[in-house]
Amino acid sequence: MTIKNGKTVLKAVTIIKATYQKDESANVLDPVVWSKESFNLVREMVYLNGRLRGGVDKENALPVPENYGRESKTAGEQQISLSGYRLGKILGF
């Protein structure tokens, strides 16, 4: 979803909030825990637990799995949702 203006932002927020419900992880307010969660998510989702490695040239790059983009988008939306719930808790909402 491309964010172009306030209406599309509101639409994106509405969709993400409806799709990813608040759960107990929203109560975790320790930044050290957040950092470890993010590290583990990147290791698992971005680098596919070490199966996907970077390279310096396109010719030797490994192909990404067919569902990589869709799963990455879902993980990103989940993190956005979780961040919003945690920020709301910190701010007292």
N, C-alpha and C. Protein backbone atom coordinates (compact mmCIF):
# COMPACT_ATOMS: atom_id res chain seq x y z
N MET A 1 0.85 -1.17 0.00
CA MET A 1 0.00 0.00 0.00
C MET A 1 0.90 1.23 0.00
N THR A 2 0.70 2.10 -0.95
CA THR A 2 1.47 3.32 -1.04
C THR A 2 0.77 4.41 -0.24
N ILE A 3 1.54 5.05 0.64
CA ILE A 3 0.98 6.12 1.46
C ILE A 3 1.14 7.43 0.71
N LYS A 4 0.02 8.06 0.32
CA LYS A 4 0.07 9.29 -0.46
C LYS A 4 -0.45 10.49 0.32
N ASN A 5 -1.38 10.27 1.23
CA ASN A 5 -1.97 11.38 1.97
C ASN A 5 -2.58 10.88 3.27
N GLY A 6 -3.19 11.77 4.01
CA GLY A 6 -3.78 11.41 5.29
C GLY A 6 -4.85 10.34 5.20
N LYS A 7 -5.65 10.35 4.14
CA LYS A 7 -6.70 9.35 3.98
C LYS A 7 -6.11 7.96 3.80
N THR A 8 -5.05 7.85 3.02
CA THR A 8 -4.46 6.53 2.83
C THR A 8 -3.75 6.06 4.09
N VAL A 9 -3.21 6.99 4.88
CA VAL A 9 -2.61 6.62 6.16
C VAL A 9 -3.70 6.07 7.08
N LEU A 10 -4.81 6.78 7.18
CA LEU A 10 -5.92 6.33 8.02
C LEU A 10 -6.44 4.97 7.56
N LYS A 11 -6.54 4.78 6.25
CA LYS A 11 -7.00 3.50 5.72
C LYS A 11 -6.01 2.38 6.10
N ALA A 12 -4.71 2.65 5.95
CA ALA A 12 -3.70 1.66 6.30
C ALA A 12 -3.76 1.31 7.78
N VAL A 13 -3.90 2.32 8.63
CA VAL A 13 -4.00 2.09 10.08
C VAL A 13 -5.23 1.25 10.39
N THR A 14 -6.34 1.57 9.78
CA THR A 14 -7.59 0.83 10.03
C THR A 14 -7.44 -0.63 9.63
N ILE A 15 -6.83 -0.88 8.48
CA ILE A 15 -6.64 -2.26 8.01
C ILE A 15 -5.69 -3.02 8.93
N ILE A 16 -4.58 -2.40 9.28
CA ILE A 16 -3.60 -3.07 10.14
C ILE A 16 -4.20 -3.35 11.52
N LYS A 17 -4.91 -2.38 12.08
CA LYS A 17 -5.52 -2.57 13.41
C LYS A 17 -6.56 -3.69 13.38
N ALA A 18 -7.34 -3.78 12.31
CA ALA A 18 -8.35 -4.83 12.20
C ALA A 18 -7.73 -6.20 11.96
N THR A 19 -6.59 -6.22 11.29
CA THR A 19 -5.95 -7.48 10.92
C THR A 19 -5.14 -8.07 12.06
N TYR A 20 -4.46 -7.23 12.82
CA TYR A 20 -3.54 -7.70 13.87
C TYR A 20 -4.06 -7.24 15.22
N GLN A 21 -4.70 -8.15 15.91
CA GLN A 21 -5.31 -7.84 17.18
C GLN A 21 -4.26 -7.72 18.29
N LYS A 22 -4.58 -6.94 19.28
CA LYS A 22 -3.72 -6.76 20.44
C LYS A 22 -3.65 -8.07 21.22
N ASP A 23 -2.43 -8.44 21.62
CA ASP A 23 -2.26 -9.64 22.45
C ASP A 23 -1.31 -9.31 23.60
N GLU A 24 -0.92 -10.31 24.35
CA GLU A 24 -0.08 -10.10 25.54
C GLU A 24 1.27 -9.49 25.23
N SER A 25 1.78 -9.69 24.03
CA SER A 25 3.09 -9.12 23.70
C SER A 25 3.04 -7.59 23.68
N ALA A 26 1.85 -7.01 23.58
CA ALA A 26 1.72 -5.55 23.62
C ALA A 26 2.02 -5.00 25.01
N ASN A 27 1.99 -5.86 26.02
CA ASN A 27 2.28 -5.43 27.39
C ASN A 27 3.76 -5.43 27.72
N VAL A 28 4.59 -5.92 26.82
CA VAL A 28 6.03 -5.97 27.04
C VAL A 28 6.60 -4.59 26.70
N LEU A 29 7.09 -3.89 27.72
CA LEU A 29 7.54 -2.51 27.52
C LEU A 29 9.04 -2.34 27.76
N ASP A 30 9.78 -3.41 27.69
CA ASP A 30 11.23 -3.38 27.90
C ASP A 30 11.95 -3.28 26.55
N PRO A 31 12.63 -2.17 26.29
CA PRO A 31 13.33 -2.01 25.01
C PRO A 31 14.38 -3.09 24.72
N VAL A 32 14.97 -3.66 25.76
CA VAL A 32 15.94 -4.74 25.54
C VAL A 32 15.22 -5.95 24.95
N VAL A 33 14.04 -6.25 25.45
CA VAL A 33 13.24 -7.35 24.91
C VAL A 33 12.84 -7.04 23.47
N TRP A 34 12.46 -5.79 23.20
CA TRP A 34 12.08 -5.41 21.83
C TRP A 34 13.25 -5.64 20.88
N SER A 35 14.43 -5.26 21.33
CA SER A 35 15.63 -5.42 20.50
C SER A 35 15.88 -6.89 20.18
N LYS A 36 15.74 -7.74 21.17
CA LYS A 36 15.95 -9.18 20.95
C LYS A 36 14.88 -9.74 20.03
N GLU A 37 13.63 -9.29 20.21
CA GLU A 37 12.55 -9.73 19.32
C GLU A 37 12.86 -9.34 17.87
N SER A 38 13.29 -8.11 17.69
CA SER A 38 13.60 -7.61 16.34
C SER A 38 14.76 -8.38 15.73
N PHE A 39 15.79 -8.63 16.52
CA PHE A 39 16.94 -9.39 16.02
C PHE A 39 16.50 -10.77 15.55
N ASN A 40 15.70 -11.45 16.38
CA ASN A 40 15.24 -12.79 16.03
C ASN A 40 14.33 -12.77 14.80
N LEU A 41 13.48 -11.75 14.69
CA LEU A 41 12.60 -11.63 13.53
C LEU A 41 13.41 -11.42 12.26
N VAL A 42 14.40 -10.56 12.31
CA VAL A 42 15.24 -10.31 11.13
C VAL A 42 16.00 -11.57 10.76
N ARG A 43 16.57 -12.24 11.74
CA ARG A 43 17.31 -13.47 11.45
C ARG A 43 16.40 -14.49 10.77
N GLU A 44 15.19 -14.62 11.30
CA GLU A 44 14.27 -15.62 10.76
C GLU A 44 13.66 -15.19 9.42
N MET A 45 13.11 -13.96 9.36
CA MET A 45 12.35 -13.54 8.19
C MET A 45 13.21 -12.98 7.06
N VAL A 46 14.20 -12.19 7.38
CA VAL A 46 15.00 -11.54 6.34
C VAL A 46 16.09 -12.46 5.84
N TYR A 47 16.84 -13.06 6.78
CA TYR A 47 17.95 -13.92 6.38
C TYR A 47 17.59 -15.40 6.37
N LEU A 48 16.30 -15.70 6.61
CA LEU A 48 15.78 -17.06 6.53
C LEU A 48 16.64 -18.04 7.32
N ASN A 49 16.92 -17.65 8.56
CA ASN A 49 17.73 -18.47 9.48
C ASN A 49 19.09 -18.85 8.89
N GLY A 50 19.68 -17.93 8.16
CA GLY A 50 21.01 -18.14 7.61
C GLY A 50 21.04 -18.73 6.21
N ARG A 51 19.87 -19.10 5.67
CA ARG A 51 19.85 -19.68 4.33
C ARG A 51 19.99 -18.62 3.24
N LEU A 52 19.60 -17.38 3.55
CA LEU A 52 19.70 -16.30 2.57
C LEU A 52 20.89 -15.43 2.96
N ARG A 53 21.87 -15.40 2.11
CA ARG A 53 23.09 -14.65 2.39
C ARG A 53 23.24 -13.51 1.38
N GLY A 54 23.85 -12.45 1.85
CA GLY A 54 24.09 -11.30 0.98
C GLY A 54 25.21 -11.58 0.00
N GLY A 55 25.39 -10.68 -0.90
CA GLY A 55 26.45 -10.80 -1.88
C GLY A 55 26.86 -9.42 -2.36
N VAL A 56 27.92 -9.38 -3.14
CA VAL A 56 28.40 -8.09 -3.63
C VAL A 56 28.04 -7.85 -5.09
N ASP A 57 27.55 -8.85 -5.78
CA ASP A 57 27.16 -8.64 -7.16
C ASP A 57 25.90 -9.43 -7.50
N LYS A 58 25.15 -8.89 -8.42
CA LYS A 58 23.85 -9.46 -8.79
C LYS A 58 23.98 -10.86 -9.41
N GLU A 59 25.04 -11.09 -10.14
CA GLU A 59 25.22 -12.37 -10.82
C GLU A 59 25.32 -13.56 -9.86
N ASN A 60 25.85 -13.32 -8.67
CA ASN A 60 26.03 -14.42 -7.70
C ASN A 60 24.99 -14.40 -6.58
N ALA A 61 24.01 -13.53 -6.70
CA ALA A 61 22.99 -13.43 -5.65
C ALA A 61 22.10 -14.66 -5.67
N LEU A 62 21.71 -15.10 -4.49
CA LEU A 62 20.79 -16.22 -4.39
C LEU A 62 19.36 -15.72 -4.61
N PRO A 63 18.53 -16.50 -5.26
CA PRO A 63 17.14 -16.07 -5.44
C PRO A 63 16.38 -16.13 -4.12
N VAL A 64 15.46 -15.21 -3.96
CA VAL A 64 14.63 -15.24 -2.76
C VAL A 64 13.42 -16.13 -3.04
N PRO A 65 12.87 -16.75 -2.00
CA PRO A 65 11.70 -17.61 -2.19
C PRO A 65 10.52 -16.82 -2.78
N GLU A 66 9.64 -17.52 -3.43
CA GLU A 66 8.50 -16.90 -4.10
C GLU A 66 7.63 -16.08 -3.15
N ASN A 67 7.45 -16.55 -1.93
CA ASN A 67 6.56 -15.87 -0.97
C ASN A 67 7.30 -14.90 -0.06
N TYR A 68 8.55 -14.60 -0.34
CA TYR A 68 9.39 -13.76 0.51
C TYR A 68 8.78 -12.37 0.71
N GLY A 69 8.37 -11.73 -0.38
CA GLY A 69 7.81 -10.39 -0.28
C GLY A 69 6.52 -10.34 0.52
N ARG A 70 5.64 -11.28 0.28
CA ARG A 70 4.36 -11.32 0.99
C ARG A 70 4.57 -11.57 2.48
N GLU A 71 5.44 -12.52 2.81
CA GLU A 71 5.70 -12.82 4.22
C GLU A 71 6.41 -11.66 4.91
N SER A 72 7.31 -10.99 4.19
CA SER A 72 8.00 -9.83 4.76
C SER A 72 7.02 -8.70 5.04
N LYS A 73 6.10 -8.48 4.11
CA LYS A 73 5.08 -7.44 4.29
C LYS A 73 4.22 -7.75 5.51
N THR A 74 3.81 -9.00 5.65
CA THR A 74 3.00 -9.40 6.80
C THR A 74 3.77 -9.18 8.10
N ALA A 75 5.02 -9.58 8.14
CA ALA A 75 5.83 -9.40 9.35
C ALA A 75 5.99 -7.92 9.67
N GLY A 76 6.19 -7.10 8.66
CA GLY A 76 6.32 -5.66 8.87
C GLY A 76 5.05 -5.05 9.42
N GLU A 77 3.92 -5.46 8.87
CA GLU A 77 2.64 -4.96 9.37
C GLU A 77 2.39 -5.41 10.81
N GLN A 78 2.76 -6.63 11.13
CA GLN A 78 2.61 -7.11 12.51
C GLN A 78 3.45 -6.26 13.46
N GLN A 79 4.67 -5.93 13.04
CA GLN A 79 5.54 -5.11 13.89
C GLN A 79 5.01 -3.70 14.04
N ILE A 80 4.45 -3.15 12.96
CA ILE A 80 3.84 -1.81 13.04
C ILE A 80 2.69 -1.84 14.04
N SER A 81 1.86 -2.86 13.94
CA SER A 81 0.73 -3.00 14.85
C SER A 81 1.20 -3.12 16.30
N LEU A 82 2.16 -4.00 16.53
CA LEU A 82 2.68 -4.21 17.88
C LEU A 82 3.29 -2.92 18.43
N SER A 83 4.02 -2.21 17.59
CA SER A 83 4.61 -0.94 18.02
C SER A 83 3.54 0.06 18.42
N GLY A 84 2.48 0.11 17.64
CA GLY A 84 1.38 1.02 17.97
C GLY A 84 0.71 0.66 19.28
N TYR A 85 0.46 -0.62 19.49
CA TYR A 85 -0.15 -1.05 20.76
C TYR A 85 0.77 -0.73 21.94
N ARG A 86 2.06 -0.96 21.77
CA ARG A 86 3.00 -0.67 22.85
C ARG A 86 3.10 0.82 23.12
N LEU A 87 3.14 1.62 22.08
CA LEU A 87 3.19 3.08 22.27
C LEU A 87 1.92 3.55 22.97
N GLY A 88 0.78 3.01 22.58
CA GLY A 88 -0.47 3.36 23.24
C GLY A 88 -0.43 3.04 24.73
N LYS A 89 0.14 1.88 25.07
CA LYS A 89 0.24 1.50 26.48
C LYS A 89 1.16 2.46 27.24
N ILE A 90 2.28 2.81 26.63
CA ILE A 90 3.21 3.74 27.26
C ILE A 90 2.55 5.10 27.49
N LEU A 91 1.75 5.54 26.53
CA LEU A 91 1.09 6.85 26.63
C LEU A 91 -0.19 6.80 27.46
N GLY A 92 -0.58 5.59 27.90
CA GLY A 92 -1.73 5.47 28.77
C GLY A 92 -3.07 5.32 28.07
N PHE A 93 -3.06 4.85 26.82
CA PHE A 93 -4.31 4.62 26.10
C PHE A 93 -4.76 3.20 26.19
